[in-house]
Amino acid sequence: MHRKVTSAVVAGPVDEVFDWVTTIRWWPQFSPTTLGVESADADRPLEHPLRAGDRFRERVRIHSWRGHIDWTVDVLERPNRCVLTGVSSGEGMVSALSGHDVVHMELTFSGDAHQTHFTRELSYHVGIAEAVGDLLGFGEAVDKAADIAMTTIISIIENPLLRGAHPDSASESLLHEPDPLADEAVASLVSPSGDVSALERFIASLYRGAPQPNDLPEPMRRFFEVTATLPSWACQPRLAAASDVFLDWGVLAVGAHICASLPETYVMPRVAKLLNLTRQLDADPTHADRRIWFTVRMCFDVLARNGLDPRGEGLLALQRLRLIHAVVRLFVQHRLETPQRLSKLASIALWDSENGQPISQLELLHTLLTFSHVVVRALEKLGAALTPYQKESYIHLWNVAGAQLGIRPELLPRDAADAERMFEMIKGRYAKATAEAKDLGRALIWFWTSLFPEKVRSEGRDLMQFVISQLISPETAAMNGFDDLPAFSTPAAKAVKECLDAADRLCSGAFLDVPGARQATALFISLLMRARTQTFEDQSGTFDIPQELYERWRGIPATA
């Protein structure tokens, strides 16, 4: 008999904790092995707590085993005890060899109106098939999943942001809300006369990774104190799961950021206006459009394993970006005498603050959703088989990042479904075609394709534009000036693959066996990437990435 017991003390009334845990709708959100749940009774909604006699099916993937468990609620004594018996059935040739086994789960609760002691016990008979599976890591995977589920349950239940009424995240009032903490920190380094030299030196030191000076003014010290740690509701297993998604599907995720997230950002008129203003500051478009590069590099830092740990590269990247946002808000609204390139923003067009703050709470939230929801949406379109737990984890990691970037936490989406709802609501209310969006769309394609080897630049451009057509709607494409996107080109894919093979730069050798959109994504992203330790004769594809990711992505099968 294999038996796994997990227990914890949860801050919450025992009856509420009982009802939440026994509402099977939530199981895919906290259990990394649950692929979905279905009630055996069509009239019994998943949103209600279980009752004695209820029957439901849980679709499961554990290690290499995939199948389902048909559960029956044997005993239910609210709010103290729930006993379930299940019969497992494998799906597919290998999983089906395990036959039909009985699984038991007992949930016990005790406590009062303030806290609950919760225990979850899972057991199953170990036959020959299970013994072989345990040798291959099945039992260890069961135990690890149970530990993750318990930690995630606590994180969700104790998260105060998931309770109560949700504010209107598309409210026009949010256009007038900036980020006081960062704005005050940046302003503290500007002298009364408008001298910004101290601010310029400090921002430059951040990019060099220099230690913080001891004589920082109090508002800037407070900024770093507040942003040095993650919010209390950050769930470590979910952060790790999101990093694993990027490790496993990073080639496609990078493609999603470039071909879906960025175009979706440009449809917000005020965002497009501000981004286009910054492009006008430089005669050299390569320098101006490298902000696209830095945006994607920030994703690498945030999504890396332990990237959001104290002093982690991801956490530092978010601090830098939040301060840069405040610097932009400062320069776009005030005429300051300084050679700093951003000071020219106000001379080009002083921001009309009566109609909203630049880089407002609303625009920060919408941009965040393009990094979380839009990427998850794109990965699904590209055939990445993410579990519900992985989707929720990806949303959660970017929620944590959003809080670090200054978004009011209560505005953040509560789960993946809420993220989709909020994104469509904001987009539906504010998105429209502008000349700036079309300029940015053209610049997006120009910048990335300029990095392709010249001999396959045209073919790489065709593949990239095809991917864009698959990941965003025709309406969004039109707003970005993508009116005539090409179909998938087998000759273009063949030419790019031959180029990559010749330079030993292909991220995987199986791309010709997958659907066109995934193949095209992997091929054009392969043109861009190399390991930080490598050099090439040509200057194309200088998108250096950590060696761990480069080796991982070269080895993964595109059909995984």
Protein backbone atom coordinates (compact mmCIF):
# COMPACT_ATOMS: atom_id res chain seq x y z
CA MET A 1 0.00 0.00 0.00
CA HIS A 2 1.37 3.40 -0.97
CA ARG A 3 0.25 6.08 1.48
CA LYS A 4 0.93 9.80 1.42
CA VAL A 5 -0.23 12.15 4.19
CA THR A 6 0.08 15.93 4.03
CA SER A 7 -1.20 18.37 6.60
CA ALA A 8 -1.05 22.07 7.37
CA VAL A 9 -2.60 24.84 9.41
CA VAL A 10 -4.58 27.24 7.22
CA ALA A 11 -5.56 30.75 8.27
CA GLY A 12 -9.30 30.61 7.69
CA PRO A 13 -12.59 29.43 9.21
CA VAL A 14 -12.94 25.65 9.18
CA ASP A 15 -16.28 25.66 7.35
CA GLU A 16 -14.97 27.93 4.58
CA VAL A 17 -11.81 25.88 4.15
CA PHE A 18 -13.87 22.68 4.04
CA ASP A 19 -16.22 24.06 1.40
CA TRP A 20 -13.37 25.36 -0.77
CA VAL A 21 -11.32 22.15 -0.71
CA THR A 22 -14.38 20.00 -1.45
CA THR A 23 -15.43 22.18 -4.40
CA ILE A 24 -13.91 20.19 -7.26
CA ARG A 25 -13.93 23.15 -9.61
CA TRP A 26 -10.78 24.34 -7.79
CA TRP A 27 -8.88 21.04 -7.96
CA PRO A 28 -7.10 21.78 -11.28
CA GLN A 29 -5.88 25.08 -9.80
CA PHE A 30 -4.04 23.53 -6.86
CA SER A 31 -3.25 19.99 -8.04
CA PRO A 32 -0.39 19.75 -10.59
CA THR A 33 -1.57 16.29 -11.70
CA THR A 34 -5.22 17.20 -12.39
CA LEU A 35 -6.07 17.88 -16.03
CA GLY A 36 -9.79 18.43 -15.46
CA VAL A 37 -12.87 17.35 -13.51
CA GLU A 38 -16.34 16.37 -14.73
CA SER A 39 -19.43 15.69 -12.66
CA ALA A 40 -21.26 12.42 -13.30
CA ASP A 41 -24.49 14.29 -12.62
CA ALA A 42 -25.27 16.90 -15.26
CA ASP A 43 -27.48 18.73 -12.78
CA ARG A 44 -24.72 18.96 -10.16
CA PRO A 45 -22.55 22.07 -10.81
CA LEU A 46 -18.81 21.86 -10.20
CA GLU A 47 -19.01 25.14 -8.26
CA HIS A 48 -20.82 23.54 -5.30
CA PRO A 49 -19.13 21.67 -2.42
CA LEU A 50 -19.38 17.89 -2.57
CA ARG A 51 -22.23 15.94 -0.99
CA ALA A 52 -22.36 12.33 0.16
CA GLY A 53 -22.97 10.09 -2.85
CA ASP A 54 -21.64 12.55 -5.44
CA ARG A 55 -19.71 11.00 -8.30
CA PHE A 56 -17.21 12.71 -10.57
CA ARG A 57 -14.28 11.98 -12.86
CA GLU A 58 -10.83 13.48 -12.41
CA ARG A 59 -8.57 13.37 -15.46
CA VAL A 60 -4.99 12.89 -14.30
CA ARG A 61 -1.41 12.82 -15.55
CA ILE A 62 1.20 11.55 -13.11
CA HIS A 63 4.72 11.04 -14.37
CA SER A 64 4.29 8.92 -17.55
CA TRP A 65 0.84 7.66 -16.52
CA ARG A 66 -2.20 9.34 -17.99
CA GLY A 67 -5.78 8.35 -17.28
CA HIS A 68 -8.72 9.16 -15.04
CA ILE A 69 -10.09 8.37 -11.59
CA ASP A 70 -13.82 7.90 -11.10
CA TRP A 71 -14.51 9.15 -7.57
CA THR A 72 -17.46 8.54 -5.26
CA VAL A 73 -18.02 10.44 -2.03
CA ASP A 74 -18.51 7.73 0.61
CA VAL A 75 -18.65 9.89 3.73
CA LEU A 76 -19.20 13.61 4.14
CA GLU A 77 -19.46 15.19 7.58
CA ARG A 78 -19.29 18.95 7.08
CA PRO A 79 -17.05 20.64 8.11
CA ASN A 80 -14.79 17.90 9.48
CA ARG A 81 -14.46 14.93 7.17
CA CYS A 82 -14.77 13.82 3.55
CA VAL A 83 -13.90 10.27 2.42
CA LEU A 84 -13.68 9.38 -1.27
CA THR A 85 -13.08 6.13 -3.10
CA GLY A 86 -11.89 6.13 -6.70
CA VAL A 87 -11.21 3.64 -9.45
CA SER A 88 -8.32 4.52 -11.77
CA SER A 89 -8.17 3.66 -15.46
CA GLY A 90 -5.20 4.29 -17.71
CA GLU A 91 -5.52 5.78 -21.16
CA GLY A 92 -3.22 4.79 -23.97
CA MET A 93 -1.33 1.54 -24.44
CA VAL A 94 1.26 2.01 -21.69
CA SER A 95 -1.00 3.56 -19.05
CA ALA A 96 -3.73 0.98 -19.66
CA LEU A 97 -1.36 -1.80 -18.57
CA SER A 98 -1.87 -0.71 -14.96
CA GLY A 99 -5.48 -1.94 -15.13
CA HIS A 100 -8.16 -0.65 -12.75
CA ASP A 101 -6.99 0.13 -9.23
CA VAL A 102 -8.81 1.44 -6.17
CA VAL A 103 -7.66 4.78 -4.75
CA HIS A 104 -8.69 6.23 -1.38
CA MET A 105 -8.60 9.83 -0.26
CA GLU A 106 -9.58 11.14 3.16
CA LEU A 107 -9.81 14.85 3.96
CA THR A 108 -10.08 15.86 7.62
CA PHE A 109 -10.56 19.34 9.07
CA SER A 110 -10.59 20.74 12.58
CA GLY A 111 -10.46 24.26 13.86
CA ASP A 112 -12.51 27.34 14.59
CA ALA A 113 -13.50 30.65 13.04
CA HIS A 114 -9.86 31.73 12.67
CA GLN A 115 -7.75 28.77 11.59
CA THR A 116 -8.08 25.23 10.31
CA HIS A 117 -5.91 22.14 10.68
CA PHE A 118 -6.26 20.29 7.38
CA THR A 119 -5.00 16.78 6.58
CA ARG A 120 -5.10 15.06 3.19
CA GLU A 121 -4.38 11.33 3.02
CA LEU A 122 -4.05 9.51 -0.31
CA SER A 123 -3.49 5.76 -0.61
CA TYR A 124 -3.54 3.07 -3.29
CA HIS A 125 -2.66 -0.61 -3.58
CA VAL A 126 0.79 -1.36 -4.99
CA GLY A 127 0.54 -4.24 -7.42
CA ILE A 128 3.09 -5.42 -9.95
CA ALA A 129 2.38 -2.57 -12.36
CA GLU A 130 2.55 0.01 -9.58
CA ALA A 131 5.77 -1.49 -8.21
CA VAL A 132 7.38 -1.16 -11.64
CA GLY A 133 6.01 2.37 -11.88
CA ASP A 134 7.48 3.24 -8.48
CA LEU A 135 10.88 2.08 -9.69
CA LEU A 136 10.48 4.54 -12.56
CA GLY A 137 9.48 7.37 -10.23
CA PHE A 138 5.66 7.11 -10.17
CA GLY A 139 5.31 6.97 -6.37
CA GLU A 140 7.81 9.79 -5.92
CA ALA A 141 5.81 11.88 -8.41
CA VAL A 142 2.60 11.19 -6.44
CA ASP A 143 4.22 12.32 -3.20
CA LYS A 144 5.74 15.44 -4.75
CA ALA A 145 2.41 16.40 -6.31
CA ALA A 146 0.67 16.00 -2.94
CA ASP A 147 3.18 18.34 -1.27
CA ILE A 148 2.77 20.92 -4.03
CA ALA A 149 -1.03 20.67 -3.81
CA MET A 150 -1.02 21.31 -0.07
CA THR A 151 1.29 24.33 -0.34
CA THR A 152 -0.79 25.74 -3.18
CA ILE A 153 -4.05 25.24 -1.28
CA ILE A 154 -2.67 27.26 1.62
CA SER A 155 -1.40 29.99 -0.72
CA ILE A 156 -4.76 30.35 -2.47
CA ILE A 157 -6.95 30.25 0.63
CA GLU A 158 -4.77 32.70 2.54
CA ASN A 159 -4.47 35.15 -0.37
CA PRO A 160 -6.62 38.14 0.66
CA LEU A 161 -6.77 39.35 -2.95
CA LEU A 162 -8.93 36.38 -3.96
CA ARG A 163 -11.79 37.31 -1.65
CA GLY A 164 -14.44 40.00 -1.87
CA ALA A 165 -15.58 42.15 -4.75
CA HIS A 166 -13.23 42.63 -7.68
CA PRO A 167 -12.67 46.28 -8.72
CA ASP A 168 -13.33 47.33 -12.30
CA SER A 169 -9.91 46.71 -13.84
CA ALA A 170 -10.90 48.58 -17.01
CA SER A 171 -12.12 51.71 -15.22
CA GLU A 172 -11.17 54.96 -16.90
CA SER A 173 -10.09 56.27 -13.50
CA LEU A 174 -7.08 53.93 -13.67
CA LEU A 175 -5.72 56.03 -16.54
CA HIS A 176 -5.08 58.75 -13.97
CA GLU A 177 -3.22 56.54 -11.48
CA PRO A 178 0.59 56.39 -11.80
CA ASP A 179 3.00 54.67 -9.38
CA PRO A 180 3.60 56.99 -6.38
CA LEU A 181 6.31 54.85 -4.78
CA ALA A 182 8.55 54.84 -7.86
CA ASP A 183 7.66 58.39 -8.88
CA GLU A 184 8.66 59.77 -5.48
CA ALA A 185 11.86 57.73 -5.54
CA VAL A 186 12.89 59.11 -8.93
CA ALA A 187 11.88 62.68 -8.03
CA SER A 188 14.08 62.51 -4.92
CA LEU A 189 17.16 62.42 -7.17
CA VAL A 190 16.17 65.59 -9.06
CA SER A 191 17.38 68.87 -7.55
CA PRO A 192 15.00 71.81 -6.97
CA SER A 193 16.61 73.54 -9.96
CA GLY A 194 15.78 70.59 -12.21
CA ASP A 195 19.28 69.07 -12.30
CA VAL A 196 18.91 65.36 -13.09
CA SER A 197 22.59 64.44 -13.23
CA ALA A 198 22.37 62.44 -9.97
CA LEU A 199 19.36 60.53 -11.35
CA GLU A 200 21.20 59.80 -14.60
CA ARG A 201 24.25 58.45 -12.76
CA PHE A 202 22.08 56.29 -10.54
CA ILE A 203 20.09 54.78 -13.42
CA ALA A 204 23.33 54.06 -15.27
CA SER A 205 24.68 52.29 -12.18
CA LEU A 206 21.59 50.07 -12.06
CA TYR A 207 22.33 48.76 -15.54
CA ARG A 208 25.93 48.09 -14.57
CA GLY A 209 24.76 46.12 -11.54
CA ALA A 210 26.71 48.38 -9.20
CA PRO A 211 25.93 48.27 -5.44
CA GLN A 212 23.50 50.87 -4.19
CA PRO A 213 25.26 53.92 -2.72
CA ASN A 214 24.87 54.57 0.99
CA ASP A 215 23.68 58.15 0.55
CA LEU A 216 20.45 57.46 -1.34
CA PRO A 217 17.59 59.78 -0.36
CA GLU A 218 14.90 58.29 1.85
CA PRO A 219 12.23 57.84 -0.90
CA MET A 220 14.67 55.82 -3.01
CA ARG A 221 15.76 53.73 -0.01
CA ARG A 222 12.09 53.07 0.76
CA PHE A 223 11.53 51.96 -2.84
CA PHE A 224 14.24 49.32 -2.61
CA GLU A 225 13.08 48.18 0.82
CA VAL A 226 9.51 47.70 -0.37
CA THR A 227 10.50 45.91 -3.60
CA ALA A 228 13.28 43.75 -2.14
CA THR A 229 10.89 40.90 -1.30
CA LEU A 230 7.94 39.31 -3.02
CA PRO A 231 4.36 39.86 -1.83
CA SER A 232 3.21 37.54 0.96
CA TRP A 233 0.76 35.79 -1.39
CA ALA A 234 3.47 34.64 -3.81
CA CYS A 235 3.31 30.83 -4.11
CA GLN A 236 6.73 29.23 -4.55
CA PRO A 237 5.52 25.98 -6.20
CA ARG A 238 3.61 28.03 -8.77
CA LEU A 239 6.64 30.23 -9.46
CA ALA A 240 8.72 27.10 -9.99
CA ALA A 241 6.07 25.58 -12.25
CA ALA A 242 5.99 28.74 -14.41
CA SER A 243 9.78 28.65 -14.74
CA ASP A 244 9.53 25.02 -15.82
CA VAL A 245 7.02 26.00 -18.52
CA PHE A 246 9.56 28.47 -19.87
CA LEU A 247 12.33 25.89 -19.62
CA ASP A 248 10.25 23.32 -21.53
CA TRP A 249 8.49 25.57 -24.04
CA GLY A 250 10.78 28.61 -24.13
CA VAL A 251 11.37 28.55 -27.88
CA LEU A 252 7.65 28.89 -28.46
CA ALA A 253 7.23 31.31 -25.52
CA VAL A 254 9.82 33.71 -26.95
CA GLY A 255 8.00 33.54 -30.27
CA ALA A 256 4.73 34.28 -28.47
CA HIS A 257 6.21 37.35 -26.77
CA ILE A 258 7.54 38.72 -30.06
CA CYS A 259 4.64 37.82 -32.35
CA ALA A 260 1.64 38.18 -30.00
CA SER A 261 2.43 40.07 -26.77
CA LEU A 262 4.11 43.06 -28.40
CA PRO A 263 1.49 43.54 -31.17
CA GLU A 264 -1.28 43.31 -28.57
CA THR A 265 0.46 46.05 -26.58
CA TYR A 266 0.52 48.42 -29.55
CA VAL A 267 -3.29 48.46 -29.94
CA MET A 268 -3.56 50.69 -26.86
CA PRO A 269 -3.40 54.20 -28.37
CA ARG A 270 -1.69 55.91 -25.42
CA VAL A 271 0.91 53.14 -25.12
CA ALA A 272 1.60 53.26 -28.85
CA LYS A 273 1.93 57.05 -28.70
CA LEU A 274 4.48 56.92 -25.89
CA LEU A 275 6.49 54.09 -27.44
CA ASN A 276 6.56 55.88 -30.77
CA LEU A 277 7.76 59.08 -29.08
CA THR A 278 10.74 57.22 -27.62
CA ARG A 279 11.55 55.85 -31.09
CA GLN A 280 11.79 59.41 -32.40
CA LEU A 281 14.61 60.25 -29.99
CA ASP A 282 17.24 58.43 -32.04
CA ALA A 283 18.31 58.80 -35.63
CA ASP A 284 19.50 55.20 -35.56
CA PRO A 285 16.40 52.94 -35.57
CA THR A 286 18.50 49.96 -34.47
CA HIS A 287 19.27 51.70 -31.16
CA ALA A 288 15.69 52.87 -30.71
CA ASP A 289 14.14 49.49 -31.33
CA ARG A 290 16.49 47.61 -29.04
CA ARG A 291 14.00 48.35 -26.29
CA ILE A 292 12.08 45.44 -27.91
CA TRP A 293 15.16 43.33 -27.26
CA PHE A 294 15.42 44.44 -23.64
CA THR A 295 11.75 43.67 -23.06
CA VAL A 296 12.23 40.07 -24.13
CA ARG A 297 15.47 39.83 -22.16
CA MET A 298 13.57 40.93 -19.07
CA CYS A 299 11.29 37.94 -19.61
CA PHE A 300 14.32 35.63 -19.58
CA ASP A 301 15.40 37.07 -16.23
CA VAL A 302 11.94 36.93 -14.63
CA LEU A 303 11.13 33.42 -15.87
CA ALA A 304 14.50 31.88 -15.03
CA ARG A 305 14.72 29.42 -12.18
CA ASN A 306 15.00 31.42 -8.93
CA GLY A 307 14.86 34.63 -10.97
CA LEU A 308 12.52 36.23 -8.41
CA ASP A 309 14.60 35.25 -5.39
CA PRO A 310 16.07 38.10 -3.31
CA ARG A 311 18.76 39.73 -5.47
CA GLY A 312 17.72 37.42 -8.31
CA GLU A 313 18.20 38.73 -11.84
CA GLY A 314 14.45 38.82 -12.43
CA LEU A 315 13.74 40.82 -9.30
CA LEU A 316 16.50 43.30 -10.16
CA ALA A 317 15.18 43.59 -13.73
CA LEU A 318 11.71 44.45 -12.42
CA GLN A 319 13.11 47.09 -10.05
CA ARG A 320 15.05 48.68 -12.92
CA LEU A 321 12.04 48.64 -15.24
CA ARG A 322 9.75 50.16 -12.61
CA LEU A 323 12.19 53.03 -12.06
CA ILE A 324 12.60 53.53 -15.82
CA HIS A 325 8.82 53.85 -16.09
CA ALA A 326 8.96 56.58 -13.44
CA VAL A 327 11.80 58.33 -15.30
CA VAL A 328 9.73 58.32 -18.50
CA ARG A 329 6.74 59.75 -16.61
CA LEU A 330 8.99 62.49 -15.26
CA PHE A 331 10.55 63.51 -18.57
CA VAL A 332 7.40 63.30 -20.65
CA GLN A 333 5.57 65.69 -18.35
CA HIS A 334 8.29 68.23 -17.48
CA ARG A 335 10.76 70.24 -19.54
CA LEU A 336 14.11 69.71 -17.85
CA GLU A 337 17.42 71.11 -19.02
CA THR A 338 19.63 68.09 -19.43
CA PRO A 339 21.46 66.27 -22.22
CA GLN A 340 19.64 63.09 -21.19
CA ARG A 341 17.96 61.70 -24.33
CA LEU A 342 14.60 61.22 -22.58
CA SER A 343 14.43 64.92 -21.78
CA LYS A 344 13.62 65.49 -25.47
CA LEU A 345 10.28 63.76 -24.96
CA ALA A 346 8.68 66.91 -23.58
CA SER A 347 10.04 69.02 -26.43
CA ILE A 348 8.56 66.63 -28.99
CA ALA A 349 5.15 66.62 -27.36
CA LEU A 350 4.43 67.46 -23.73
CA TRP A 351 2.10 64.80 -22.34
CA ASP A 352 -1.54 65.78 -21.88
CA SER A 353 -1.85 64.65 -18.27
CA GLU A 354 -5.42 65.89 -17.94
CA ASN A 355 -6.47 62.87 -20.00
CA GLY A 356 -4.44 60.43 -17.97
CA GLN A 357 -0.97 59.67 -16.67
CA PRO A 358 1.66 58.12 -18.95
CA ILE A 359 2.27 54.44 -18.11
CA SER A 360 -0.83 54.43 -15.92
CA GLN A 361 -2.20 51.59 -13.81
CA LEU A 362 -4.55 50.62 -16.64
CA GLU A 363 -1.76 50.46 -19.22
CA LEU A 364 0.56 48.59 -16.87
CA LEU A 365 -2.18 46.04 -16.24
CA HIS A 366 -2.98 45.59 -19.94
CA THR A 367 0.71 45.15 -20.79
CA LEU A 368 1.08 42.62 -17.99
CA LEU A 369 -1.82 40.61 -19.40
CA THR A 370 -0.09 40.48 -22.77
CA PHE A 371 2.87 38.85 -21.00
CA SER A 372 0.73 36.34 -19.10
CA HIS A 373 -2.65 35.61 -20.71
CA VAL A 374 -1.59 36.31 -24.30
CA VAL A 375 1.45 34.02 -24.02
CA VAL A 376 -0.63 31.21 -22.49
CA ARG A 377 -3.17 31.71 -25.30
CA ALA A 378 -0.41 31.61 -27.90
CA LEU A 379 1.17 28.47 -26.43
CA GLU A 380 -2.20 26.74 -26.70
CA LYS A 381 -2.49 27.80 -30.35
CA LEU A 382 0.99 26.43 -30.95
CA GLY A 383 0.02 23.08 -29.45
CA ALA A 384 1.92 23.26 -26.16
CA ALA A 385 0.12 20.84 -23.84
CA LEU A 386 0.01 22.95 -20.67
CA THR A 387 -1.86 21.54 -17.69
CA PRO A 388 -4.36 23.75 -15.83
CA TYR A 389 -1.85 24.05 -12.97
CA GLN A 390 0.83 25.25 -15.39
CA LYS A 391 -1.51 27.84 -16.90
CA GLU A 392 -2.50 29.14 -13.49
CA SER A 393 1.15 29.18 -12.45
CA TYR A 394 2.18 31.23 -15.47
CA ILE A 395 -0.56 33.76 -14.70
CA HIS A 396 0.50 33.77 -11.04
CA LEU A 397 4.18 34.42 -11.76
CA TRP A 398 3.32 37.45 -13.87
CA ASN A 399 0.87 38.63 -11.19
CA VAL A 400 3.78 38.61 -8.77
CA ALA A 401 5.88 40.47 -11.34
CA GLY A 402 3.03 42.95 -11.83
CA ALA A 403 2.90 43.71 -8.12
CA GLN A 404 6.67 44.31 -8.16
CA LEU A 405 6.17 46.67 -11.13
CA GLY A 406 3.76 48.80 -9.13
CA ILE A 407 0.34 47.53 -10.22
CA ARG A 408 -2.12 47.67 -7.36
CA PRO A 409 -2.46 43.98 -6.35
CA GLU A 410 -6.26 44.10 -6.08
CA LEU A 411 -6.41 44.88 -9.82
CA LEU A 412 -4.59 41.68 -10.80
CA PRO A 413 -6.51 38.71 -12.26
CA ARG A 414 -7.56 36.02 -9.81
CA ASP A 415 -6.96 33.12 -12.17
CA ALA A 416 -6.46 32.30 -15.86
CA ALA A 417 -10.14 32.72 -16.72
CA ASP A 418 -10.20 36.11 -15.02
CA ALA A 419 -7.07 37.13 -16.92
CA GLU A 420 -8.78 36.37 -20.22
CA ARG A 421 -11.92 38.26 -19.18
CA MET A 422 -9.96 41.31 -18.06
CA PHE A 423 -7.78 41.37 -21.17
CA GLU A 424 -10.74 41.25 -23.54
CA MET A 425 -12.60 43.88 -21.50
CA ILE A 426 -9.71 46.36 -21.54
CA LYS A 427 -8.97 45.71 -25.19
CA GLY A 428 -12.62 46.01 -26.17
CA ARG A 429 -12.95 49.31 -24.35
CA TYR A 430 -9.75 51.06 -25.42
CA ALA A 431 -8.01 49.38 -28.40
CA LYS A 432 -8.12 51.01 -31.81
CA ALA A 433 -6.02 51.51 -34.92
CA THR A 434 -3.55 54.41 -34.86
CA ALA A 435 -0.71 55.57 -37.08
CA GLU A 436 1.67 54.97 -34.16
CA ALA A 437 0.58 51.33 -33.83
CA LYS A 438 1.27 50.73 -37.51
CA ASP A 439 4.69 52.36 -37.23
CA LEU A 440 5.49 50.12 -34.27
CA GLY A 441 4.24 47.02 -36.07
CA ARG A 442 6.50 47.70 -39.04
CA ALA A 443 9.41 48.43 -36.71
CA LEU A 444 8.82 45.16 -34.87
CA ILE A 445 9.25 43.08 -38.02
CA TRP A 446 12.15 45.22 -39.26
CA PHE A 447 14.10 44.91 -36.03
CA TRP A 448 13.91 41.15 -35.62
CA THR A 449 14.39 40.29 -39.28
CA SER A 450 17.43 42.60 -39.40
CA LEU A 451 19.09 40.08 -37.08
CA PHE A 452 18.55 37.15 -39.44
CA PRO A 453 21.44 35.98 -41.64
CA GLU A 454 21.18 37.96 -44.86
CA LYS A 455 20.95 34.91 -47.12
CA VAL A 456 17.69 33.77 -45.46
CA ARG A 457 16.37 37.14 -44.29
CA SER A 458 13.44 37.12 -46.70
CA GLU A 459 12.48 33.55 -45.79
CA GLY A 460 12.79 34.27 -42.07
CA ARG A 461 10.57 37.33 -42.46
CA ASP A 462 7.92 35.20 -44.16
CA LEU A 463 7.98 32.67 -41.33
CA MET A 464 7.76 35.37 -38.66
CA GLN A 465 4.83 37.09 -40.35
CA PHE A 466 3.05 33.75 -40.73
CA VAL A 467 3.41 33.13 -37.00
CA ILE A 468 1.96 36.58 -36.27
CA SER A 469 -1.04 35.71 -38.44
CA GLN A 470 -1.62 32.56 -36.36
CA LEU A 471 -1.30 34.17 -32.92
CA ILE A 472 -3.35 37.38 -33.21
CA SER A 473 -6.76 38.11 -34.67
CA PRO A 474 -7.15 39.72 -38.12
CA GLU A 475 -8.49 42.84 -36.38
CA THR A 476 -5.40 43.14 -34.18
CA ALA A 477 -3.16 42.44 -37.17
CA ALA A 478 -4.84 45.27 -39.08
CA MET A 479 -4.32 47.68 -36.15
CA ASN A 480 -0.59 46.89 -36.34
CA GLY A 481 -0.43 47.42 -40.09
CA PHE A 482 -0.15 43.68 -40.82
CA ASP A 483 -2.73 43.72 -43.62
CA ASP A 484 -1.28 41.04 -45.88
CA LEU A 485 0.38 38.30 -43.85
CA PRO A 486 1.74 35.32 -45.82
CA ALA A 487 0.70 31.69 -45.56
CA PHE A 488 3.14 29.04 -44.36
CA SER A 489 5.93 28.50 -46.86
CA THR A 490 7.52 25.06 -47.00
CA PRO A 491 10.40 26.30 -49.20
CA ALA A 492 11.10 29.12 -46.71
CA ALA A 493 11.13 26.65 -43.81
CA LYS A 494 13.48 24.37 -45.74
CA ALA A 495 15.89 27.22 -46.55
CA VAL A 496 15.99 28.41 -42.93
CA LYS A 497 16.53 24.89 -41.61
CA GLU A 498 19.42 24.30 -44.01
CA CYS A 499 21.01 27.57 -42.88
CA LEU A 500 20.65 26.58 -39.23
CA ASP A 501 21.98 23.09 -39.85
CA ALA A 502 25.05 24.52 -41.55
CA ALA A 503 25.82 26.68 -38.51
CA ASP A 504 24.74 24.01 -35.97
CA ARG A 505 22.23 26.46 -34.50
CA LEU A 506 18.95 24.58 -34.83
CA CYS A 507 17.20 24.33 -31.46
CA SER A 508 15.67 20.95 -32.31
CA GLY A 509 15.92 18.49 -35.17
CA ALA A 510 12.24 17.57 -35.20
CA PHE A 511 10.66 20.78 -36.46
CA LEU A 512 9.69 19.45 -39.86
CA ASP A 513 7.36 16.93 -38.21
CA VAL A 514 5.11 19.47 -36.47
CA PRO A 515 2.28 21.78 -37.60
CA GLY A 516 3.31 24.83 -39.60
CA ALA A 517 2.86 27.48 -36.91
CA ARG A 518 5.03 25.65 -34.37
CA GLN A 519 7.62 24.78 -37.00
CA ALA A 520 7.79 28.37 -38.23
CA THR A 521 8.08 29.73 -34.67
CA ALA A 522 10.91 27.39 -33.74
CA LEU A 523 12.79 28.06 -36.96
CA PHE A 524 12.74 31.84 -36.87
CA ILE A 525 13.51 31.93 -33.14
CA SER A 526 16.44 29.59 -33.81
CA LEU A 527 17.77 32.24 -36.19
CA LEU A 528 17.92 34.70 -33.30
CA MET A 529 19.44 32.71 -30.48
CA ARG A 530 22.86 31.56 -29.47
CA ALA A 531 24.51 30.71 -26.16
CA ARG A 532 26.30 33.54 -24.37
CA THR A 533 29.56 31.63 -24.64
CA GLN A 534 29.42 31.25 -28.44
CA THR A 535 30.42 33.49 -31.32
CA PHE A 536 29.65 33.25 -35.01
CA GLU A 537 31.29 34.56 -38.14
CA ASP A 538 28.27 36.65 -39.06
CA GLN A 539 26.75 39.25 -36.75
CA SER A 540 23.22 37.89 -37.06
CA GLY A 541 21.29 36.11 -34.35
CA THR A 542 23.05 37.77 -31.42
CA PHE A 543 20.26 37.06 -28.98
CA ASP A 544 22.50 35.53 -26.33
CA ILE A 545 20.77 33.31 -23.80
CA PRO A 546 22.00 31.34 -20.76
CA GLN A 547 23.84 28.16 -21.63
CA GLU A 548 21.34 26.06 -19.67
CA LEU A 549 18.45 27.30 -21.81
CA TYR A 550 20.40 27.04 -25.05
CA GLU A 551 21.37 23.41 -24.46
CA ARG A 552 17.88 22.54 -23.22
CA TRP A 553 16.15 24.09 -26.21
CA ARG A 554 18.54 22.47 -28.67
CA GLY A 555 17.67 19.09 -27.23
CA ILE A 556 13.90 19.19 -26.75
CA PRO A 557 11.71 17.44 -29.31
CA ALA A 558 9.34 19.87 -31.00
CA THR A 559 6.65 17.19 -30.83
CA ALA A 560 6.73 16.99 -27.02
